[in-house]
Every structure is written in C-alpha cells, then in structure tokens.
C-alpha cells in the first residue's frame, strides 16, 4: 500500500464519509468538521497560519 500524504489522507477520509461520491464531498454540508476546509485535497488559501511561535 502506498504511503499517503496528509492531504491525500484527508481527501480519502472525506470520500469514505460520503460513500465514495466525489460530488458529495464537494457539496458537504458539515461545515463544523475539522477537515472541511481540506476536503478537496489541497490546503485552503488565506486564513491564519496554525503554527505556533515559541519565540516569546
């Protein structure tokens, strides 16, 4: 089995959740899901960087 990148693994999880229906992933109504912004297999543009800065 090939190793999945994190983004591809998220995409696979979304496909699993929607019974393998690509169109249902695109139309997903569960906006509270932590994977929602990543469901199309790529990082969303804009927004905040989630990395924490420990330089304080």
N, C-alpha and C. Protein backbone atom coordinates (compact mmCIF):
# COMPACT_ATOMS: atom_id res chain seq x y z
N UNK A 1 0.84 -1.18 0.00
CA UNK A 1 0.00 0.00 0.00
C UNK A 1 0.89 1.25 0.00
N UNK A 2 0.59 2.18 -0.88
CA UNK A 2 1.38 3.40 -0.99
C UNK A 2 1.13 4.31 0.20
N UNK A 3 2.18 5.01 0.60
CA UNK A 3 2.06 5.96 1.70
C UNK A 3 1.32 7.20 1.22
N UNK A 4 0.33 7.64 1.97
CA UNK A 4 -0.45 8.82 1.61
C UNK A 4 0.13 10.07 2.27
N UNK A 5 0.08 11.16 1.55
CA UNK A 5 0.44 12.44 2.17
C UNK A 5 -0.72 12.84 3.09
N UNK A 6 -0.50 13.74 4.02
CA UNK A 6 -1.61 14.15 4.89
C UNK A 6 -2.82 14.68 4.12
N UNK A 7 -2.59 15.44 3.06
CA UNK A 7 -3.70 15.99 2.29
C UNK A 7 -4.47 14.89 1.56
N UNK A 8 -3.76 13.92 1.03
CA UNK A 8 -4.44 12.81 0.35
C UNK A 8 -5.19 11.93 1.35
N UNK A 9 -4.65 11.79 2.56
CA UNK A 9 -5.33 11.03 3.59
C UNK A 9 -6.64 11.72 4.00
N UNK A 10 -6.61 13.03 4.09
CA UNK A 10 -7.83 13.80 4.41
C UNK A 10 -8.85 13.62 3.30
N UNK A 11 -8.39 13.70 2.07
CA UNK A 11 -9.29 13.52 0.92
C UNK A 11 -9.92 12.12 0.96
N UNK A 12 -9.13 11.11 1.26
CA UNK A 12 -9.66 9.75 1.34
C UNK A 12 -10.69 9.62 2.47
N UNK A 13 -10.45 10.27 3.59
CA UNK A 13 -11.40 10.24 4.70
C UNK A 13 -12.71 10.89 4.30
N UNK A 14 -12.63 12.01 3.58
CA UNK A 14 -13.85 12.68 3.12
C UNK A 14 -14.62 11.81 2.12
N UNK A 15 -13.90 11.14 1.23
CA UNK A 15 -14.55 10.23 0.30
C UNK A 15 -15.21 9.07 1.03
N UNK A 16 -14.54 8.57 2.06
CA UNK A 16 -15.12 7.49 2.87
C UNK A 16 -16.39 7.96 3.57
N UNK A 17 -16.36 9.16 4.10
CA UNK A 17 -17.51 9.72 4.81
C UNK A 17 -18.71 9.91 3.89
N UNK A 18 -18.43 10.20 2.61
CA UNK A 18 -19.51 10.44 1.65
C UNK A 18 -19.77 9.24 0.75
N UNK A 19 -19.41 8.05 1.23
CA UNK A 19 -19.65 6.78 0.50
C UNK A 19 -19.01 6.78 -0.89
N UNK A 20 -17.86 7.42 -1.02
CA UNK A 20 -17.12 7.41 -2.27
C UNK A 20 -17.65 8.32 -3.35
N UNK A 21 -18.59 9.17 -3.02
CA UNK A 21 -19.20 10.07 -4.00
C UNK A 21 -18.45 11.40 -4.04
N UNK A 22 -17.69 11.63 -5.11
CA UNK A 22 -16.90 12.85 -5.24
C UNK A 22 -17.77 14.10 -5.15
N UNK A 23 -18.91 14.06 -5.80
CA UNK A 23 -19.82 15.23 -5.79
C UNK A 23 -20.30 15.53 -4.37
N UNK A 24 -20.52 14.49 -3.57
CA UNK A 24 -20.98 14.70 -2.19
C UNK A 24 -19.89 15.33 -1.33
N UNK A 25 -18.63 15.04 -1.62
CA UNK A 25 -17.54 15.70 -0.88
C UNK A 25 -17.58 17.19 -1.18
N UNK A 26 -17.75 17.54 -2.44
CA UNK A 26 -17.81 18.95 -2.84
C UNK A 26 -19.01 19.65 -2.19
N UNK A 27 -20.12 18.95 -2.06
CA UNK A 27 -21.35 19.54 -1.51
C UNK A 27 -21.52 19.31 -0.01
N UNK A 28 -20.49 18.86 0.64
CA UNK A 28 -20.55 18.52 2.07
C UNK A 28 -21.19 19.64 2.90
N UNK A 29 -22.23 19.31 3.67
CA UNK A 29 -22.91 20.32 4.49
C UNK A 29 -22.33 20.46 5.91
N UNK A 30 -21.37 19.62 6.28
CA UNK A 30 -20.86 19.59 7.65
C UNK A 30 -19.71 20.58 7.80
N UNK A 31 -20.05 21.86 7.89
CA UNK A 31 -19.04 22.91 7.97
C UNK A 31 -18.33 22.96 9.31
N UNK A 32 -18.83 22.24 10.31
CA UNK A 32 -18.18 22.19 11.61
C UNK A 32 -17.11 21.11 11.67
N UNK A 33 -16.99 20.31 10.63
CA UNK A 33 -15.97 19.26 10.57
C UNK A 33 -14.60 19.91 10.51
N UNK A 34 -13.66 19.40 11.28
CA UNK A 34 -12.31 19.98 11.28
C UNK A 34 -11.59 19.78 9.95
N UNK A 35 -12.04 18.85 9.14
CA UNK A 35 -11.42 18.59 7.84
C UNK A 35 -12.11 19.34 6.70
N UNK A 36 -13.16 20.06 6.98
CA UNK A 36 -13.99 20.68 5.95
C UNK A 36 -13.18 21.52 4.96
N UNK A 37 -12.32 22.38 5.43
CA UNK A 37 -11.55 23.26 4.55
C UNK A 37 -10.55 22.50 3.69
N UNK A 38 -10.22 21.29 4.07
CA UNK A 38 -9.21 20.50 3.37
C UNK A 38 -9.82 19.40 2.50
N UNK A 39 -11.14 19.30 2.44
CA UNK A 39 -11.84 18.18 1.82
C UNK A 39 -11.57 18.00 0.34
N UNK A 40 -11.16 19.05 -0.35
CA UNK A 40 -10.92 18.95 -1.79
C UNK A 40 -9.51 18.48 -2.12
N UNK A 41 -8.72 18.15 -1.11
CA UNK A 41 -7.40 17.58 -1.35
C UNK A 41 -6.27 18.60 -1.45
N UNK A 42 -6.52 19.83 -1.04
CA UNK A 42 -5.47 20.84 -1.02
C UNK A 42 -5.72 21.82 0.12
N UNK A 43 -4.66 22.50 0.51
CA UNK A 43 -4.77 23.47 1.60
C UNK A 43 -5.59 24.67 1.15
N UNK A 44 -6.42 25.20 2.03
CA UNK A 44 -7.20 26.39 1.67
C UNK A 44 -6.28 27.61 1.57
N UNK A 45 -6.65 28.55 0.74
CA UNK A 45 -5.86 29.77 0.60
C UNK A 45 -6.30 30.78 1.65
N UNK A 46 -5.40 31.65 2.04
CA UNK A 46 -5.72 32.68 3.03
C UNK A 46 -5.83 32.10 4.42
N UNK A 47 -6.43 32.86 5.31
CA UNK A 47 -6.63 32.40 6.68
C UNK A 47 -5.38 32.56 7.52
N UNK A 48 -5.46 32.05 8.71
CA UNK A 48 -4.35 32.17 9.64
C UNK A 48 -3.42 30.97 9.53
N UNK A 49 -2.16 31.20 9.88
CA UNK A 49 -1.19 30.12 9.96
C UNK A 49 -1.40 29.43 11.30
N UNK A 50 -1.49 28.11 11.31
CA UNK A 50 -1.77 27.40 12.55
C UNK A 50 -0.52 27.07 13.34
N UNK A 51 0.65 27.34 12.79
CA UNK A 51 1.90 27.08 13.50
C UNK A 51 2.05 28.09 14.64
N UNK A 52 2.45 27.56 15.79
CA UNK A 52 2.64 28.43 16.94
C UNK A 52 4.06 28.96 16.97
N UNK A 53 4.22 30.19 17.41
CA UNK A 53 5.54 30.80 17.50
C UNK A 53 6.00 30.71 18.95
N UNK A 54 7.13 30.01 19.18
CA UNK A 54 7.66 29.83 20.53
C UNK A 54 8.77 30.82 20.85
N UNK A 55 8.85 31.92 20.12
CA UNK A 55 9.94 32.87 20.31
C UNK A 55 9.69 33.86 21.46
N UNK A 56 8.63 33.71 22.20
CA UNK A 56 8.33 34.64 23.28
C UNK A 56 9.22 34.46 24.47
